[in-house]
């Protein structure tokens, strides 16, 4: 999340998927983190830690089509 605060990109997107052998293999979720006008980050003076505040998180269910990719 520290990279989102310092980046020129306004958002970062991540996906989570179930196992192809899971109960709902076609169900996944999209996580979209976005900066707002109030987003801010602080670097720790003591360690390499980074604290962030006021980042927006939107979570949406997605349909996962299997296979995700195929070799040519």
N, C-alpha and C. Protein backbone atom coordinates (compact mmCIF):
# COMPACT_ATOMS: atom_id res chain seq x y z
N UNK A 1 0.81 -1.18 0.00
CA UNK A 1 0.00 0.00 0.00
C UNK A 1 0.86 1.26 0.00
N UNK A 2 2.06 1.15 0.54
CA UNK A 2 2.96 2.29 0.49
C UNK A 2 3.28 2.68 -0.94
N UNK A 3 3.40 1.69 -1.81
CA UNK A 3 3.66 1.97 -3.23
C UNK A 3 2.49 2.69 -3.87
N UNK A 4 1.26 2.39 -3.45
CA UNK A 4 0.09 3.09 -3.99
C UNK A 4 0.14 4.56 -3.60
N UNK A 5 0.50 4.86 -2.38
CA UNK A 5 0.56 6.24 -1.93
C UNK A 5 1.61 7.03 -2.71
N UNK A 6 2.76 6.41 -2.96
CA UNK A 6 3.87 7.10 -3.62
C UNK A 6 3.82 7.03 -5.15
N UNK A 7 2.91 6.25 -5.70
CA UNK A 7 2.84 6.03 -7.15
C UNK A 7 2.09 7.14 -7.86
N UNK A 8 2.32 7.23 -9.17
CA UNK A 8 1.52 8.14 -9.99
C UNK A 8 0.21 7.48 -10.42
N UNK A 9 0.06 6.18 -10.14
CA UNK A 9 -1.18 5.47 -10.46
C UNK A 9 -2.19 5.70 -9.33
N UNK A 10 -3.45 5.95 -9.67
CA UNK A 10 -4.44 6.26 -8.63
C UNK A 10 -5.04 5.04 -7.93
N UNK A 11 -4.78 3.83 -8.47
CA UNK A 11 -5.37 2.64 -7.87
C UNK A 11 -4.49 1.41 -8.07
N UNK A 12 -4.74 0.40 -7.26
CA UNK A 12 -4.07 -0.90 -7.37
C UNK A 12 -5.15 -1.96 -7.27
N UNK A 13 -5.05 -2.98 -8.12
CA UNK A 13 -6.08 -4.02 -8.17
C UNK A 13 -5.44 -5.38 -7.89
N UNK A 14 -6.12 -6.16 -7.05
CA UNK A 14 -5.69 -7.52 -6.76
C UNK A 14 -6.86 -8.47 -6.91
N UNK A 15 -6.56 -9.74 -7.19
CA UNK A 15 -7.59 -10.75 -7.35
C UNK A 15 -7.34 -11.90 -6.38
N UNK A 16 -8.41 -12.52 -5.95
CA UNK A 16 -8.31 -13.75 -5.19
C UNK A 16 -9.22 -14.78 -5.86
N UNK A 17 -8.69 -16.00 -5.99
CA UNK A 17 -9.41 -17.06 -6.68
C UNK A 17 -9.47 -18.30 -5.80
N UNK A 18 -10.51 -19.10 -5.99
CA UNK A 18 -10.61 -20.37 -5.30
C UNK A 18 -9.83 -21.42 -6.10
N UNK A 19 -9.60 -22.54 -5.51
CA UNK A 19 -8.95 -23.66 -6.18
C UNK A 19 -9.86 -24.17 -7.29
N UNK A 20 -9.29 -24.67 -8.39
CA UNK A 20 -10.14 -25.27 -9.43
C UNK A 20 -10.95 -26.45 -8.90
N UNK A 21 -10.52 -27.04 -7.79
CA UNK A 21 -11.22 -28.18 -7.21
C UNK A 21 -12.04 -27.77 -5.98
N UNK A 22 -12.20 -26.49 -5.76
CA UNK A 22 -12.92 -25.98 -4.59
C UNK A 22 -14.43 -26.11 -4.76
N UNK A 23 -15.14 -25.65 -3.75
CA UNK A 23 -16.60 -25.73 -3.74
C UNK A 23 -17.20 -24.83 -4.83
N UNK A 24 -16.64 -23.62 -5.00
CA UNK A 24 -17.10 -22.69 -6.03
C UNK A 24 -15.90 -22.23 -6.87
N UNK A 25 -15.41 -23.07 -7.77
CA UNK A 25 -14.20 -22.74 -8.50
C UNK A 25 -14.34 -21.54 -9.45
N UNK A 26 -15.58 -21.17 -9.78
CA UNK A 26 -15.79 -20.03 -10.68
C UNK A 26 -15.97 -18.71 -9.93
N UNK A 27 -15.87 -18.73 -8.59
CA UNK A 27 -16.05 -17.52 -7.80
C UNK A 27 -14.70 -16.93 -7.40
N UNK A 28 -14.56 -15.65 -7.62
CA UNK A 28 -13.36 -14.92 -7.20
C UNK A 28 -13.77 -13.53 -6.72
N UNK A 29 -12.79 -12.78 -6.28
CA UNK A 29 -13.05 -11.41 -5.83
C UNK A 29 -11.98 -10.47 -6.34
N UNK A 30 -12.40 -9.27 -6.70
CA UNK A 30 -11.49 -8.20 -7.09
C UNK A 30 -11.40 -7.22 -5.93
N UNK A 31 -10.17 -6.88 -5.55
CA UNK A 31 -9.92 -5.90 -4.51
C UNK A 31 -9.30 -4.68 -5.17
N UNK A 32 -9.97 -3.55 -5.09
CA UNK A 32 -9.45 -2.32 -5.70
C UNK A 32 -9.18 -1.30 -4.60
N UNK A 33 -7.90 -0.98 -4.44
CA UNK A 33 -7.47 0.04 -3.49
C UNK A 33 -7.28 1.34 -4.26
N UNK A 34 -7.87 2.43 -3.77
CA UNK A 34 -7.77 3.72 -4.46
C UNK A 34 -7.36 4.81 -3.48
N UNK A 35 -6.54 5.72 -3.97
CA UNK A 35 -6.22 6.90 -3.17
C UNK A 35 -7.40 7.86 -3.23
N UNK A 36 -7.57 8.60 -2.15
CA UNK A 36 -8.57 9.66 -2.11
C UNK A 36 -7.82 10.97 -1.85
N UNK A 37 -8.53 12.05 -1.81
CA UNK A 37 -7.91 13.33 -1.50
C UNK A 37 -7.36 13.39 -0.08
N UNK A 38 -7.84 12.47 0.76
CA UNK A 38 -7.41 12.44 2.15
C UNK A 38 -6.39 11.33 2.44
N UNK A 39 -5.98 10.58 1.42
CA UNK A 39 -5.01 9.49 1.62
C UNK A 39 -3.64 10.06 1.95
N UNK A 40 -2.98 9.41 2.89
CA UNK A 40 -1.65 9.86 3.31
C UNK A 40 -0.86 8.65 3.80
N UNK A 41 0.46 8.72 3.66
CA UNK A 41 1.33 7.67 4.14
C UNK A 41 2.48 8.25 4.94
N UNK A 42 2.94 7.49 5.92
CA UNK A 42 4.04 7.92 6.78
C UNK A 42 5.09 6.82 6.85
N UNK A 43 6.34 7.17 6.62
CA UNK A 43 7.44 6.23 6.77
C UNK A 43 7.90 6.27 8.22
N UNK A 44 8.13 5.10 8.80
CA UNK A 44 8.60 5.00 10.18
C UNK A 44 10.05 5.46 10.26
N UNK A 45 10.40 6.16 11.30
CA UNK A 45 11.78 6.60 11.52
C UNK A 45 12.63 5.48 12.11
N UNK A 46 11.99 4.52 12.76
CA UNK A 46 12.74 3.47 13.46
C UNK A 46 12.94 2.21 12.62
N UNK A 47 11.97 1.85 11.79
CA UNK A 47 12.06 0.62 10.99
C UNK A 47 11.67 0.93 9.55
N UNK A 48 11.63 -0.09 8.73
CA UNK A 48 11.22 0.08 7.34
C UNK A 48 9.71 -0.07 7.18
N UNK A 49 8.97 0.27 8.20
CA UNK A 49 7.51 0.19 8.17
C UNK A 49 6.91 1.44 7.53
N UNK A 50 5.73 1.28 6.98
CA UNK A 50 5.03 2.37 6.32
C UNK A 50 3.58 2.31 6.77
N UNK A 51 3.04 3.40 7.27
CA UNK A 51 1.64 3.46 7.69
C UNK A 51 0.84 4.27 6.69
N UNK A 52 -0.34 3.78 6.35
CA UNK A 52 -1.22 4.50 5.42
C UNK A 52 -2.58 4.72 6.07
N UNK A 53 -3.23 5.80 5.67
CA UNK A 53 -4.54 6.16 6.20
C UNK A 53 -5.43 6.64 5.06
N UNK A 54 -6.72 6.36 5.21
CA UNK A 54 -7.74 6.87 4.30
C UNK A 54 -7.56 6.41 2.86
N UNK A 55 -7.34 5.11 2.69
CA UNK A 55 -7.32 4.51 1.36
C UNK A 55 -8.65 3.79 1.17
N UNK A 56 -9.24 3.97 0.02
CA UNK A 56 -10.54 3.36 -0.27
C UNK A 56 -10.33 1.91 -0.72
N UNK A 57 -11.20 1.01 -0.29
CA UNK A 57 -11.18 -0.39 -0.70
C UNK A 57 -12.56 -0.78 -1.22
N UNK A 58 -12.61 -1.20 -2.48
CA UNK A 58 -13.84 -1.73 -3.07
C UNK A 58 -13.62 -3.21 -3.36
N UNK A 59 -14.57 -4.05 -2.95
CA UNK A 59 -14.49 -5.49 -3.17
C UNK A 59 -15.69 -5.90 -4.02
N UNK A 60 -15.40 -6.60 -5.13
CA UNK A 60 -16.47 -7.05 -6.02
C UNK A 60 -16.29 -8.53 -6.32
N UNK A 61 -17.39 -9.29 -6.32
CA UNK A 61 -17.29 -10.68 -6.76
C UNK A 61 -17.09 -10.73 -8.27
N UNK A 62 -16.31 -11.69 -8.74
CA UNK A 62 -16.08 -11.86 -10.17
C UNK A 62 -16.32 -13.32 -10.54
N UNK A 63 -16.57 -13.57 -11.81
CA UNK A 63 -16.70 -14.92 -12.34
C UNK A 63 -15.36 -15.30 -12.96
N UNK A 64 -14.83 -16.43 -12.54
CA UNK A 64 -13.54 -16.91 -13.03
C UNK A 64 -13.80 -17.96 -14.10
N UNK A 65 -13.30 -17.72 -15.30
CA UNK A 65 -13.43 -18.66 -16.40
C UNK A 65 -12.22 -19.57 -16.39
N UNK A 66 -12.43 -20.86 -16.40
CA UNK A 66 -11.33 -21.83 -16.41
C UNK A 66 -11.19 -22.40 -17.81
N UNK A 67 -10.00 -22.66 -18.28
CA UNK A 67 -8.73 -22.36 -17.63
C UNK A 67 -8.41 -20.87 -17.73
N UNK A 68 -7.62 -20.40 -16.77
CA UNK A 68 -7.24 -18.99 -16.77
C UNK A 68 -6.38 -18.65 -17.98
N UNK A 69 -5.54 -19.59 -18.38
CA UNK A 69 -4.69 -19.40 -19.56
C UNK A 69 -4.39 -20.74 -20.17
N UNK A 70 -3.91 -20.73 -21.42
CA UNK A 70 -3.53 -21.95 -22.12
C UNK A 70 -2.19 -21.72 -22.78
N UNK A 71 -1.41 -22.78 -22.90
CA UNK A 71 -0.13 -22.70 -23.62
C UNK A 71 -0.39 -22.76 -25.11
N UNK A 72 0.45 -22.08 -25.89
CA UNK A 72 0.32 -22.11 -27.36
C UNK A 72 1.17 -23.20 -27.93
